[in-house]
Amino acid sequence: MSQQQTKNCITLRGSAQIICEYLKFAINSVLFQRGLYPPETFKTEQQYGITLLLSEDAQIKSFLTNLLTQSEEWIINKKVSKLSLVILNVANKEILECWDFNVQYEDGDPALSKEKNETVGNKDLKKIQQEIRDVMLQVAATISYLPFLDCRCSFDVLVHAKTDCDVPEKWAEAEPISIANAQNVQLKTFSTSLHKMETVVSYKLAD
């Protein structure tokens, strides 16, 4: 039994890394599927048993690396409630779509945590990855019934963090997000037993 527990033991940092890795692939998938950047600027990568796409654009890679490195630390310390990927019309800055990635905090395995003297979970990594694969497949499928983006669009990612966080220098305070006449689609959730991730997309109905 102890061998099994050791094998399946997942630490708080390990769990936060899984969450941020999912965010990296989910954000890239939306940028690709929604046509914000040319398809040739993405490369394929095998992850969770499926083929996913990652942007090779240096600016996007740098932006997401900085964002997710900082978010990982905040998630470990329970400082983040959600991240929002916002898609805007470049011409008038209207928000057309918002992908909310809600982070909930779970207790893991109390008995194992006591034994290890740190908060840990015992969920099998394979099971976590299967759950993430199901969400990623749903992200790709959801795109098919979202309204066509018929204007030039840009994106931003907002981190909803507690007010006592040390915010990096170049980061700015964001205004609350509002989409007129919004429709919502809730995707499947996944859990590491330490963090639960819920993905919801809100979009503006075509006029």
N, C-alpha and C. Protein backbone atom coordinates (compact mmCIF):
# COMPACT_ATOMS: atom_id res chain seq x y z
N MET A 1 0.83 -1.22 0.00
CA MET A 1 0.00 0.00 0.00
C MET A 1 0.86 1.26 0.00
N SER A 2 1.90 1.26 0.83
CA SER A 2 2.74 2.46 0.91
C SER A 2 3.45 2.74 -0.41
N GLN A 3 3.85 1.66 -1.09
CA GLN A 3 4.49 1.83 -2.41
C GLN A 3 3.54 2.52 -3.38
N GLN A 4 2.29 2.05 -3.37
CA GLN A 4 1.27 2.62 -4.25
C GLN A 4 1.06 4.09 -3.92
N GLN A 5 1.01 4.40 -2.65
CA GLN A 5 0.80 5.78 -2.22
C GLN A 5 1.96 6.68 -2.66
N THR A 6 3.18 6.16 -2.51
CA THR A 6 4.35 6.95 -2.89
C THR A 6 4.33 7.24 -4.39
N LYS A 7 3.97 6.21 -5.15
CA LYS A 7 3.96 6.35 -6.61
C LYS A 7 2.94 7.43 -7.04
N ASN A 8 1.77 7.44 -6.36
CA ASN A 8 0.70 8.34 -6.76
C ASN A 8 0.72 9.68 -6.02
N CYS A 9 1.72 9.90 -5.21
CA CYS A 9 1.78 11.12 -4.41
C CYS A 9 2.03 12.34 -5.31
N ILE A 10 1.15 13.31 -5.21
CA ILE A 10 1.31 14.53 -6.01
C ILE A 10 1.41 15.73 -5.06
N THR A 11 2.47 16.51 -5.25
CA THR A 11 2.70 17.66 -4.35
C THR A 11 1.91 18.87 -4.83
N LEU A 12 1.88 19.86 -3.97
CA LEU A 12 1.20 21.12 -4.29
C LEU A 12 1.82 21.76 -5.54
N ARG A 13 3.15 21.81 -5.58
CA ARG A 13 3.82 22.40 -6.75
C ARG A 13 3.56 21.56 -8.00
N GLY A 14 3.61 20.25 -7.84
CA GLY A 14 3.34 19.37 -8.99
C GLY A 14 1.95 19.60 -9.54
N SER A 15 1.00 19.78 -8.63
CA SER A 15 -0.39 20.03 -9.04
C SER A 15 -0.51 21.39 -9.75
N ALA A 16 0.13 22.42 -9.19
CA ALA A 16 0.09 23.76 -9.81
C ALA A 16 0.73 23.73 -11.20
N GLN A 17 1.79 22.91 -11.35
CA GLN A 17 2.44 22.78 -12.67
C GLN A 17 1.50 22.13 -13.68
N ILE A 18 0.73 21.13 -13.23
CA ILE A 18 -0.24 20.46 -14.11
C ILE A 18 -1.30 21.46 -14.56
N ILE A 19 -1.78 22.29 -13.62
CA ILE A 19 -2.79 23.31 -13.93
C ILE A 19 -2.25 24.29 -14.97
N CYS A 20 -1.01 24.76 -14.75
CA CYS A 20 -0.44 25.77 -15.67
C CYS A 20 -0.09 25.17 -17.03
N GLU A 21 0.28 23.90 -17.03
CA GLU A 21 0.53 23.23 -18.32
C GLU A 21 -0.77 23.13 -19.12
N TYR A 22 -1.85 22.78 -18.42
CA TYR A 22 -3.16 22.74 -19.08
C TYR A 22 -3.50 24.11 -19.65
N LEU A 23 -3.28 25.16 -18.86
CA LEU A 23 -3.58 26.53 -19.30
C LEU A 23 -2.80 26.89 -20.55
N LYS A 24 -1.52 26.49 -20.58
CA LYS A 24 -0.68 26.78 -21.77
C LYS A 24 -1.28 26.14 -23.02
N PHE A 25 -1.65 24.86 -22.91
CA PHE A 25 -2.20 24.17 -24.08
C PHE A 25 -3.60 24.67 -24.43
N ALA A 26 -4.41 24.96 -23.41
CA ALA A 26 -5.78 25.43 -23.67
C ALA A 26 -5.76 26.80 -24.35
N ILE A 27 -4.93 27.72 -23.85
CA ILE A 27 -4.86 29.07 -24.43
C ILE A 27 -4.35 28.99 -25.87
N ASN A 28 -3.29 28.21 -26.09
CA ASN A 28 -2.76 28.04 -27.45
C ASN A 28 -3.80 27.44 -28.39
N SER A 29 -4.56 26.47 -27.86
CA SER A 29 -5.58 25.82 -28.68
C SER A 29 -6.65 26.83 -29.12
N VAL A 30 -7.07 27.69 -28.19
CA VAL A 30 -8.08 28.70 -28.53
C VAL A 30 -7.52 29.69 -29.55
N LEU A 31 -6.27 30.13 -29.35
CA LEU A 31 -5.66 31.08 -30.30
C LEU A 31 -5.60 30.48 -31.70
N PHE A 32 -5.29 29.18 -31.77
CA PHE A 32 -5.22 28.51 -33.07
C PHE A 32 -6.62 28.33 -33.66
N GLN A 33 -7.51 27.72 -32.87
CA GLN A 33 -8.84 27.37 -33.37
C GLN A 33 -9.65 28.60 -33.76
N ARG A 34 -9.44 29.71 -33.06
CA ARG A 34 -10.21 30.93 -33.34
C ARG A 34 -9.55 31.78 -34.41
N GLY A 35 -8.42 31.30 -34.97
CA GLY A 35 -7.81 31.96 -36.12
C GLY A 35 -7.19 33.32 -35.81
N LEU A 36 -6.73 33.52 -34.55
CA LEU A 36 -6.12 34.81 -34.21
C LEU A 36 -4.75 34.99 -34.85
N TYR A 37 -4.10 33.86 -35.15
CA TYR A 37 -2.77 33.91 -35.77
C TYR A 37 -2.73 32.87 -36.89
N PRO A 38 -1.90 33.06 -37.91
CA PRO A 38 -1.84 32.12 -39.03
C PRO A 38 -1.50 30.70 -38.56
N PRO A 39 -2.15 29.69 -39.15
CA PRO A 39 -1.91 28.30 -38.73
C PRO A 39 -0.45 27.86 -38.85
N GLU A 40 0.26 28.47 -39.81
CA GLU A 40 1.67 28.05 -40.01
C GLU A 40 2.59 28.53 -38.88
N THR A 41 2.07 29.40 -37.99
CA THR A 41 2.90 29.86 -36.87
C THR A 41 2.77 28.94 -35.65
N PHE A 42 2.05 27.83 -35.82
CA PHE A 42 1.88 26.85 -34.73
C PHE A 42 2.59 25.55 -35.07
N LYS A 43 3.07 24.87 -34.04
CA LYS A 43 3.66 23.54 -34.26
C LYS A 43 2.86 22.51 -33.45
N THR A 44 2.89 21.28 -33.92
CA THR A 44 2.14 20.23 -33.22
C THR A 44 2.99 19.62 -32.12
N GLU A 45 2.32 19.20 -31.06
CA GLU A 45 3.00 18.53 -29.96
C GLU A 45 2.07 17.47 -29.38
N GLN A 46 2.63 16.31 -29.06
CA GLN A 46 1.84 15.24 -28.44
C GLN A 46 1.77 15.48 -26.93
N GLN A 47 0.55 15.54 -26.42
CA GLN A 47 0.37 15.70 -24.98
C GLN A 47 -0.99 15.12 -24.60
N TYR A 48 -1.08 14.48 -23.46
CA TYR A 48 -2.33 13.86 -22.97
C TYR A 48 -2.85 12.81 -23.95
N GLY A 49 -1.96 12.26 -24.78
CA GLY A 49 -2.38 11.23 -25.72
C GLY A 49 -3.07 11.77 -26.97
N ILE A 50 -2.99 13.08 -27.18
CA ILE A 50 -3.59 13.68 -28.39
C ILE A 50 -2.61 14.70 -28.99
N THR A 51 -2.89 15.12 -30.23
CA THR A 51 -2.03 16.12 -30.87
C THR A 51 -2.58 17.50 -30.58
N LEU A 52 -1.72 18.37 -30.03
CA LEU A 52 -2.13 19.74 -29.71
C LEU A 52 -1.21 20.71 -30.44
N LEU A 53 -1.60 21.98 -30.44
CA LEU A 53 -0.83 22.99 -31.17
C LEU A 53 -0.32 24.07 -30.24
N LEU A 54 0.93 24.48 -30.48
CA LEU A 54 1.56 25.55 -29.70
C LEU A 54 2.09 26.61 -30.64
N SER A 55 1.88 27.87 -30.28
CA SER A 55 2.39 28.97 -31.10
C SER A 55 3.91 29.01 -31.03
N GLU A 56 4.53 29.29 -32.17
CA GLU A 56 5.98 29.47 -32.21
C GLU A 56 6.35 30.95 -32.24
N ASP A 57 5.35 31.82 -32.14
CA ASP A 57 5.59 33.26 -32.12
C ASP A 57 6.32 33.63 -30.83
N ALA A 58 7.48 34.26 -30.97
CA ALA A 58 8.34 34.55 -29.80
C ALA A 58 7.63 35.40 -28.75
N GLN A 59 6.85 36.38 -29.20
CA GLN A 59 6.16 37.27 -28.26
C GLN A 59 5.09 36.53 -27.46
N ILE A 60 4.34 35.68 -28.14
CA ILE A 60 3.28 34.92 -27.46
C ILE A 60 3.92 33.95 -26.47
N LYS A 61 4.99 33.27 -26.90
CA LYS A 61 5.67 32.32 -26.01
C LYS A 61 6.19 33.02 -24.75
N SER A 62 6.81 34.17 -24.94
CA SER A 62 7.36 34.93 -23.82
C SER A 62 6.24 35.41 -22.88
N PHE A 63 5.17 35.93 -23.48
CA PHE A 63 4.02 36.42 -22.71
C PHE A 63 3.45 35.30 -21.84
N LEU A 64 3.19 34.14 -22.44
CA LEU A 64 2.57 33.04 -21.69
C LEU A 64 3.52 32.44 -20.66
N THR A 65 4.81 32.37 -20.99
CA THR A 65 5.78 31.84 -20.02
C THR A 65 5.81 32.72 -18.76
N ASN A 66 5.90 34.04 -18.97
CA ASN A 66 5.93 34.96 -17.83
C ASN A 66 4.64 34.88 -17.02
N LEU A 67 3.52 34.86 -17.73
CA LEU A 67 2.21 34.83 -17.08
C LEU A 67 2.04 33.56 -16.24
N LEU A 68 2.38 32.42 -16.83
CA LEU A 68 2.11 31.14 -16.16
C LEU A 68 3.14 30.84 -15.07
N THR A 69 4.37 31.32 -15.23
CA THR A 69 5.38 31.15 -14.17
C THR A 69 4.93 31.88 -12.91
N GLN A 70 4.45 33.11 -13.11
CA GLN A 70 3.95 33.89 -11.96
C GLN A 70 2.68 33.27 -11.39
N SER A 71 1.78 32.84 -12.26
CA SER A 71 0.51 32.26 -11.81
C SER A 71 0.73 30.99 -11.01
N GLU A 72 1.73 30.20 -11.41
CA GLU A 72 2.03 28.95 -10.69
C GLU A 72 2.33 29.23 -9.22
N GLU A 73 3.16 30.24 -8.97
CA GLU A 73 3.50 30.59 -7.58
C GLU A 73 2.25 31.04 -6.81
N TRP A 74 1.42 31.83 -7.45
CA TRP A 74 0.20 32.32 -6.79
C TRP A 74 -0.78 31.18 -6.54
N ILE A 75 -0.87 30.23 -7.48
CA ILE A 75 -1.79 29.09 -7.31
C ILE A 75 -1.33 28.22 -6.13
N ILE A 76 -0.02 28.03 -6.00
CA ILE A 76 0.51 27.26 -4.86
C ILE A 76 0.07 27.90 -3.55
N ASN A 77 0.04 29.23 -3.53
CA ASN A 77 -0.31 29.97 -2.30
C ASN A 77 -1.79 30.36 -2.23
N LYS A 78 -2.61 29.72 -3.08
CA LYS A 78 -4.07 29.93 -3.07
C LYS A 78 -4.46 31.40 -3.29
N LYS A 79 -3.74 32.05 -4.17
CA LYS A 79 -3.98 33.49 -4.41
C LYS A 79 -4.82 33.76 -5.66
N VAL A 80 -5.06 32.72 -6.48
CA VAL A 80 -5.73 32.94 -7.77
C VAL A 80 -7.09 32.26 -7.76
N SER A 81 -8.14 32.99 -8.19
CA SER A 81 -9.46 32.38 -8.31
C SER A 81 -9.75 31.96 -9.75
N LYS A 82 -9.19 32.72 -10.71
CA LYS A 82 -9.35 32.31 -12.11
C LYS A 82 -8.43 33.11 -13.02
N LEU A 83 -8.22 32.57 -14.22
CA LEU A 83 -7.56 33.30 -15.30
C LEU A 83 -8.58 33.43 -16.42
N SER A 84 -8.56 34.56 -17.10
CA SER A 84 -9.50 34.80 -18.19
C SER A 84 -8.75 35.13 -19.47
N LEU A 85 -9.01 34.35 -20.51
CA LEU A 85 -8.48 34.63 -21.85
C LEU A 85 -9.55 35.45 -22.58
N VAL A 86 -9.22 36.68 -22.91
CA VAL A 86 -10.18 37.60 -23.50
C VAL A 86 -9.82 37.84 -24.97
N ILE A 87 -10.81 37.71 -25.84
CA ILE A 87 -10.61 37.99 -27.27
C ILE A 87 -11.36 39.28 -27.61
N LEU A 88 -10.61 40.25 -28.16
CA LEU A 88 -11.18 41.58 -28.42
C LEU A 88 -11.13 41.93 -29.90
N ASN A 89 -12.07 42.75 -30.31
CA ASN A 89 -12.06 43.35 -31.63
C ASN A 89 -10.99 44.46 -31.61
N VAL A 90 -10.00 44.35 -32.47
CA VAL A 90 -8.89 45.33 -32.47
C VAL A 90 -9.40 46.75 -32.74
N ALA A 91 -10.38 46.88 -33.63
CA ALA A 91 -10.85 48.21 -34.06
C ALA A 91 -11.50 49.00 -32.93
N ASN A 92 -12.39 48.35 -32.16
CA ASN A 92 -13.12 49.12 -31.14
C ASN A 92 -12.93 48.60 -29.71
N LYS A 93 -12.04 47.62 -29.54
CA LYS A 93 -11.71 47.04 -28.22
C LYS A 93 -12.89 46.32 -27.56
N GLU A 94 -13.92 46.03 -28.33
CA GLU A 94 -15.07 45.32 -27.76
C GLU A 94 -14.67 43.87 -27.45
N ILE A 95 -15.09 43.38 -26.27
CA ILE A 95 -14.80 41.99 -25.91
C ILE A 95 -15.83 41.09 -26.58
N LEU A 96 -15.34 40.16 -27.39
CA LEU A 96 -16.22 39.27 -28.15
C LEU A 96 -16.35 37.91 -27.48
N GLU A 97 -15.31 37.54 -26.72
CA GLU A 97 -15.28 36.18 -26.16
C GLU A 97 -14.40 36.16 -24.93
N CYS A 98 -14.79 35.36 -23.95
CA CYS A 98 -13.97 35.24 -22.74
C CYS A 98 -13.95 33.79 -22.29
N TRP A 99 -12.76 33.24 -22.17
CA TRP A 99 -12.58 31.88 -21.66
C TRP A 99 -12.12 31.99 -20.20
N ASP A 100 -13.01 31.60 -19.29
CA ASP A 100 -12.66 31.64 -17.86
C ASP A 100 -12.15 30.28 -17.41
N PHE A 101 -11.00 30.30 -16.79
CA PHE A 101 -10.40 29.08 -16.22
C PHE A 101 -10.44 29.24 -14.70
N ASN A 102 -11.46 28.68 -14.07
CA ASN A 102 -11.69 28.86 -12.64
C ASN A 102 -10.89 27.83 -11.84
N VAL A 103 -10.14 28.31 -10.86
CA VAL A 103 -9.32 27.43 -10.02
C VAL A 103 -9.98 27.28 -8.66
N GLN A 104 -10.26 26.04 -8.29
CA GLN A 104 -10.78 25.76 -6.95
C GLN A 104 -9.73 24.94 -6.20
N TYR A 105 -9.69 25.13 -4.89
CA TYR A 105 -8.65 24.48 -4.08
C TYR A 105 -9.25 23.32 -3.29
N GLU A 106 -8.58 22.17 -3.39
CA GLU A 106 -9.05 20.95 -2.72
C GLU A 106 -8.05 20.51 -1.66
N ASP A 107 -8.48 19.58 -0.82
CA ASP A 107 -7.67 19.21 0.35
C ASP A 107 -6.65 18.09 0.10
N GLY A 108 -6.74 17.43 -1.06
CA GLY A 108 -5.81 16.33 -1.32
C GLY A 108 -6.13 15.15 -0.43
N ASP A 109 -5.11 14.51 0.08
CA ASP A 109 -5.25 13.33 0.93
C ASP A 109 -4.78 13.69 2.34
N PRO A 110 -5.70 13.97 3.29
CA PRO A 110 -5.30 14.44 4.63
C PRO A 110 -4.35 13.48 5.36
N ALA A 111 -4.62 12.15 5.26
CA ALA A 111 -3.78 11.18 5.98
C ALA A 111 -2.36 11.15 5.40
N LEU A 112 -2.27 11.14 4.09
CA LEU A 112 -0.96 11.11 3.42
C LEU A 112 -0.23 12.43 3.64
N SER A 113 -0.99 13.52 3.65
CA SER A 113 -0.39 14.85 3.89
C SER A 113 0.25 14.91 5.27
N LYS A 114 -0.43 14.33 6.24
CA LYS A 114 0.09 14.31 7.62
C LYS A 114 1.38 13.51 7.68
N GLU A 115 1.37 12.37 6.98
CA GLU A 115 2.54 11.49 6.95
C GLU A 115 3.73 12.19 6.28
N LYS A 116 3.45 12.90 5.20
CA LYS A 116 4.52 13.56 4.43
C LYS A 116 4.90 14.94 5.01
N ASN A 117 4.06 15.44 5.89
CA ASN A 117 4.29 16.76 6.48
C ASN A 117 4.18 17.90 5.46
N GLU A 118 3.41 17.66 4.40
CA GLU A 118 3.09 18.71 3.43
C GLU A 118 1.80 18.31 2.73
N THR A 119 1.13 19.27 2.14
CA THR A 119 -0.14 18.98 1.47
C THR A 119 0.12 18.20 0.18
N VAL A 120 -0.41 16.99 0.12
CA VAL A 120 -0.23 16.16 -1.08
C VAL A 120 -1.56 15.50 -1.45
N GLY A 121 -1.63 15.05 -2.69
CA GLY A 121 -2.79 14.30 -3.16
C GLY A 121 -2.33 12.93 -3.63
N ASN A 122 -3.28 12.03 -3.84
CA ASN A 122 -2.87 10.67 -4.26
C ASN A 122 -3.56 10.24 -5.55
N LYS A 123 -4.04 11.21 -6.32
CA LYS A 123 -4.72 10.85 -7.57
C LYS A 123 -3.70 10.43 -8.62
N ASP A 124 -4.02 9.37 -9.33
CA ASP A 124 -3.10 8.83 -10.33
C ASP A 124 -2.92 9.82 -11.49
N LEU A 125 -1.67 10.05 -11.87
CA LEU A 125 -1.36 11.01 -12.93
C LEU A 125 -2.05 10.64 -14.24
N LYS A 126 -2.13 9.34 -14.54
CA LYS A 126 -2.78 8.89 -15.77
C LYS A 126 -4.24 9.32 -15.80
N LYS A 127 -4.90 9.20 -14.64
CA LYS A 127 -6.31 9.56 -14.53
C LYS A 127 -6.47 11.08 -14.73
N ILE A 128 -5.57 11.87 -14.14
CA ILE A 128 -5.61 13.33 -14.30
C ILE A 128 -5.46 13.69 -15.78
N GLN A 129 -4.47 13.04 -16.44
CA GLN A 129 -4.21 13.35 -17.85
C GLN A 129 -5.38 12.95 -18.75
N GLN A 130 -6.06 11.86 -18.40
CA GLN A 130 -7.26 11.46 -19.17
C GLN A 130 -8.35 12.52 -19.05
N GLU A 131 -8.52 13.03 -17.83
CA GLU A 131 -9.53 14.07 -17.61
C GLU A 131 -9.17 15.34 -18.41
N ILE A 132 -7.87 15.70 -18.41
CA ILE A 132 -7.44 16.89 -19.15
C ILE A 132 -7.63 16.67 -20.65
N ARG A 133 -7.33 15.47 -21.13
CA ARG A 133 -7.52 15.16 -22.55
C ARG A 133 -8.98 15.38 -22.95
N ASP A 134 -9.90 14.92 -22.09
CA ASP A 134 -11.34 15.09 -22.39
C ASP A 134 -11.70 16.57 -22.48
N VAL A 135 -11.12 17.39 -21.60
CA VAL A 135 -11.40 18.83 -21.63
C VAL A 135 -10.82 19.44 -22.91
N MET A 136 -9.58 19.06 -23.26
CA MET A 136 -8.93 19.62 -24.45
C MET A 136 -9.71 19.26 -25.72
N LEU A 137 -10.24 18.04 -25.78
CA LEU A 137 -11.05 17.64 -26.94
C LEU A 137 -12.32 18.47 -26.99
N GLN A 138 -12.86 18.78 -25.81
CA GLN A 138 -14.07 19.60 -25.74
C GLN A 138 -13.78 21.04 -26.17
N VAL A 139 -12.61 21.56 -25.79
CA VAL A 139 -12.22 22.92 -26.21
C VAL A 139 -12.25 22.99 -27.73
N ALA A 140 -11.63 22.01 -28.38
CA ALA A 140 -11.58 22.00 -29.85
C ALA A 140 -12.98 21.88 -30.45
N ALA A 141 -13.83 21.04 -29.83
CA ALA A 141 -15.18 20.82 -30.37
C ALA A 141 -16.06 22.05 -30.17
N THR A 142 -15.87 22.77 -29.07
CA THR A 142 -16.69 23.95 -28.75
C THR A 142 -16.56 25.02 -29.82
N ILE A 143 -15.36 25.11 -30.41
CA ILE A 143 -15.07 26.15 -31.41
C ILE A 143 -16.08 26.10 -32.56
N SER A 144 -16.54 24.89 -32.89
CA SER A 144 -17.39 24.73 -34.08
C SER A 144 -18.72 25.47 -33.97
N TYR A 145 -19.22 25.70 -32.76
CA TYR A 145 -20.49 26.43 -32.70
C TYR A 145 -20.38 27.83 -32.07
N LEU A 146 -19.15 28.32 -31.94
CA LEU A 146 -18.97 29.71 -31.53
C LEU A 146 -19.12 30.61 -32.76
N PRO A 147 -19.60 31.85 -32.59
CA PRO A 147 -19.77 32.74 -33.74
C PRO A 147 -18.45 32.98 -34.48
N PHE A 148 -18.54 33.13 -35.78
CA PHE A 148 -17.36 33.40 -36.60
C PHE A 148 -16.79 34.77 -36.23
N LEU A 149 -15.49 34.85 -36.03
CA LEU A 149 -14.86 36.14 -35.74
C LEU A 149 -14.50 36.81 -37.06
N ASP A 150 -15.35 37.75 -37.50
CA ASP A 150 -15.16 38.31 -38.83
C ASP A 150 -14.45 39.67 -38.80
N CYS A 151 -13.66 39.89 -37.74
CA CYS A 151 -12.89 41.14 -37.65
C CYS A 151 -11.49 40.79 -37.14
N ARG A 152 -10.59 41.75 -37.21
CA ARG A 152 -9.24 41.52 -36.70
C ARG A 152 -9.30 41.50 -35.18
N CYS A 153 -8.76 40.45 -34.58
CA CYS A 153 -8.87 40.29 -33.12
C CYS A 153 -7.51 40.21 -32.45
N SER A 154 -7.47 40.59 -31.20
CA SER A 154 -6.28 40.40 -30.37
C SER A 154 -6.73 39.70 -29.09
N PHE A 155 -5.78 39.35 -28.24
CA PHE A 155 -6.17 38.68 -27.00
C PHE A 155 -5.38 39.24 -25.82
N ASP A 156 -5.92 38.99 -24.64
CA ASP A 156 -5.20 39.29 -23.41
C ASP A 156 -5.57 38.21 -22.41
N VAL A 157 -4.74 38.05 -21.39
CA VAL A 157 -5.07 37.10 -20.32
C VAL A 157 -5.05 37.87 -19.00
N LEU A 158 -6.15 37.76 -18.27
CA LEU A 158 -6.26 38.44 -16.97
C LEU A 158 -6.15 37.41 -15.86
N VAL A 159 -5.38 37.73 -14.85
CA VAL A 159 -5.25 36.86 -13.68
C VAL A 159 -6.04 37.49 -12.54
N HIS A 160 -7.03 36.78 -12.06
CA HIS A 160 -7.84 37.28 -10.94
C HIS A 160 -7.18 36.80 -9.65
N ALA A 161 -6.38 37.68 -9.07
CA ALA A 161 -5.58 37.31 -7.89
C ALA A 161 -5.98 38.15 -6.68
N LYS A 162 -5.62 37.66 -5.51
CA LYS A 162 -5.92 38.40 -4.29
C LYS A 162 -5.14 39.72 -4.27
N THR A 163 -5.70 40.70 -3.56
CA THR A 163 -5.12 42.05 -3.57
C THR A 163 -3.77 42.13 -2.89
N ASP A 164 -3.43 41.14 -2.07
CA ASP A 164 -2.12 41.21 -1.38
C ASP A 164 -0.98 40.61 -2.20
N CYS A 165 -1.23 40.27 -3.46
CA CYS A 165 -0.17 39.71 -4.32
C CYS A 165 0.80 40.81 -4.73
N ASP A 166 2.07 40.45 -4.81
CA ASP A 166 3.07 41.38 -5.37
C ASP A 166 2.98 41.32 -6.88
N VAL A 167 2.41 42.34 -7.47
CA VAL A 167 2.19 42.33 -8.92
C VAL A 167 3.46 42.75 -9.65
N PRO A 168 3.91 41.95 -10.64
CA PRO A 168 5.11 42.32 -11.41
C PRO A 168 4.98 43.71 -12.03
N GLU A 169 6.12 44.36 -12.21
CA GLU A 169 6.17 45.76 -12.64
C GLU A 169 5.35 46.09 -13.89
N LYS A 170 5.49 45.26 -14.92
CA LYS A 170 4.87 45.61 -16.20
C LYS A 170 3.39 45.21 -16.27
N TRP A 171 2.87 44.60 -15.23
CA TRP A 171 1.48 44.17 -15.25
C TRP A 171 0.58 45.36 -14.88
N ALA A 172 -0.60 45.40 -15.47
CA ALA A 172 -1.51 46.52 -15.19
C ALA A 172 -2.82 46.00 -14.60
N GLU A 173 -3.49 46.88 -13.85
CA GLU A 173 -4.83 46.56 -13.33
C GLU A 173 -5.80 46.49 -14.51
N ALA A 174 -6.69 45.52 -14.47
CA ALA A 174 -7.64 45.37 -15.58
C ALA A 174 -9.04 45.78 -15.15
N GLU A 175 -9.80 46.24 -16.13
CA GLU A 175 -11.21 46.58 -15.88
C GLU A 175 -12.02 45.28 -15.82
N PRO A 176 -13.17 45.30 -15.12
CA PRO A 176 -14.04 44.11 -15.12
C PRO A 176 -14.48 43.77 -16.55
N ILE A 177 -14.64 42.48 -16.80
CA ILE A 177 -15.00 42.03 -18.15
C ILE A 177 -16.52 42.05 -18.32
N SER A 178 -16.95 42.58 -19.44
CA SER A 178 -18.39 42.58 -19.70
C SER A 178 -18.63 42.30 -21.17
N ILE A 179 -19.48 41.30 -21.42
CA ILE A 179 -19.87 40.97 -22.81
C ILE A 179 -21.37 41.20 -22.93
N ALA A 180 -21.76 42.07 -23.84
CA ALA A 180 -23.19 42.34 -24.04
C ALA A 180 -23.86 41.11 -24.65
N ASN A 181 -25.05 40.79 -24.14
CA ASN A 181 -25.84 39.70 -24.73
C ASN A 181 -25.05 38.38 -24.77
N ALA A 182 -24.45 38.02 -23.64
CA ALA A 182 -23.52 36.87 -23.62
C ALA A 182 -24.23 35.53 -23.49
N GLN A 183 -23.64 34.54 -24.14
CA GLN A 183 -24.03 33.14 -23.98
C GLN A 183 -22.87 32.42 -23.29
N ASN A 184 -23.17 31.45 -22.44
CA ASN A 184 -22.12 30.71 -21.74
C ASN A 184 -22.16 29.23 -22.07
N VAL A 185 -20.98 28.63 -22.18
CA VAL A 185 -20.89 27.17 -22.34
C VAL A 185 -19.91 26.66 -21.28
N GLN A 186 -20.38 25.74 -20.46
CA GLN A 186 -19.51 25.15 -19.44
C GLN A 186 -18.91 23.86 -19.96
N LEU A 187 -17.60 23.74 -19.86
CA LEU A 187 -16.91 22.53 -20.30
C LEU A 187 -16.72 21.59 -19.11
N LYS A 188 -16.21 20.41 -19.39
CA LYS A 188 -15.94 19.45 -18.31
C LYS A 188 -14.89 20.02 -17.36
N THR A 189 -14.89 19.51 -16.15
CA THR A 189 -13.87 19.90 -15.17
C THR A 189 -12.85 18.78 -15.04
N PHE A 190 -11.68 19.12 -14.50
CA PHE A 190 -10.73 18.07 -14.11
C PHE A 190 -10.16 18.43 -12.75
N SER A 191 -9.66 17.41 -12.06
CA SER A 191 -9.15 17.63 -10.71
C SER A 191 -7.85 16.85 -10.50
N THR A 192 -6.93 17.48 -9.76
CA THR A 192 -5.68 16.78 -9.40
C THR A 192 -5.78 16.23 -7.98
N SER A 193 -6.90 16.51 -7.31
CA SER A 193 -7.18 16.24 -5.88
C SER A 193 -6.64 17.35 -4.98
N LEU A 194 -5.84 18.27 -5.56
CA LEU A 194 -5.38 19.47 -4.84
C LEU A 194 -5.96 20.73 -5.48
N HIS A 195 -6.17 20.66 -6.79
CA HIS A 195 -6.77 21.77 -7.53
C HIS A 195 -7.83 21.22 -8.48
N LYS A 196 -8.91 21.98 -8.59
CA LYS A 196 -9.95 21.62 -9.55
C LYS A 196 -10.04 22.75 -10.57
N MET A 197 -10.10 22.40 -11.84
CA MET A 197 -10.13 23.40 -12.90
C MET A 197 -11.46 23.30 -13.66
N GLU A 198 -12.16 24.44 -13.69
CA GLU A 198 -13.43 24.51 -14.39
C GLU A 198 -13.26 25.51 -15.54
N THR A 199 -13.65 25.12 -16.74
CA THR A 199 -13.48 25.97 -17.92
C THR A 199 -14.85 26.38 -18.46
N VAL A 200 -15.05 27.69 -18.61
CA VAL A 200 -16.31 28.22 -19.12
C VAL A 200 -16.00 29.25 -20.21
N VAL A 201 -16.70 29.15 -21.34
CA VAL A 201 -16.52 30.18 -22.39
C VAL A 201 -17.80 31.00 -22.51
N SER A 202 -17.62 32.33 -22.51
CA SER A 202 -18.74 33.26 -22.72
C SER A 202 -18.49 33.96 -24.04
N TYR A 203 -19.53 34.13 -24.83
CA TYR A 203 -19.33 34.78 -26.13
C TYR A 203 -20.51 35.66 -26.47
N LYS A 204 -20.23 36.63 -27.32
CA LYS A 204 -21.25 37.58 -27.76
C LYS A 204 -22.02 36.95 -28.91
N LEU A 205 -23.34 36.94 -28.78
CA LEU A 205 -24.17 36.44 -29.88
C LEU A 205 -24.05 37.37 -31.07
N ALA A 206 -24.00 36.81 -32.24
CA ALA A 206 -23.90 37.66 -33.44
C ALA A 206 -25.11 38.57 -33.54
N ASP A 207 -24.87 39.80 -33.95
CA ASP A 207 -25.97 40.78 -34.07
C ASP A 207 -26.92 40.38 -35.20
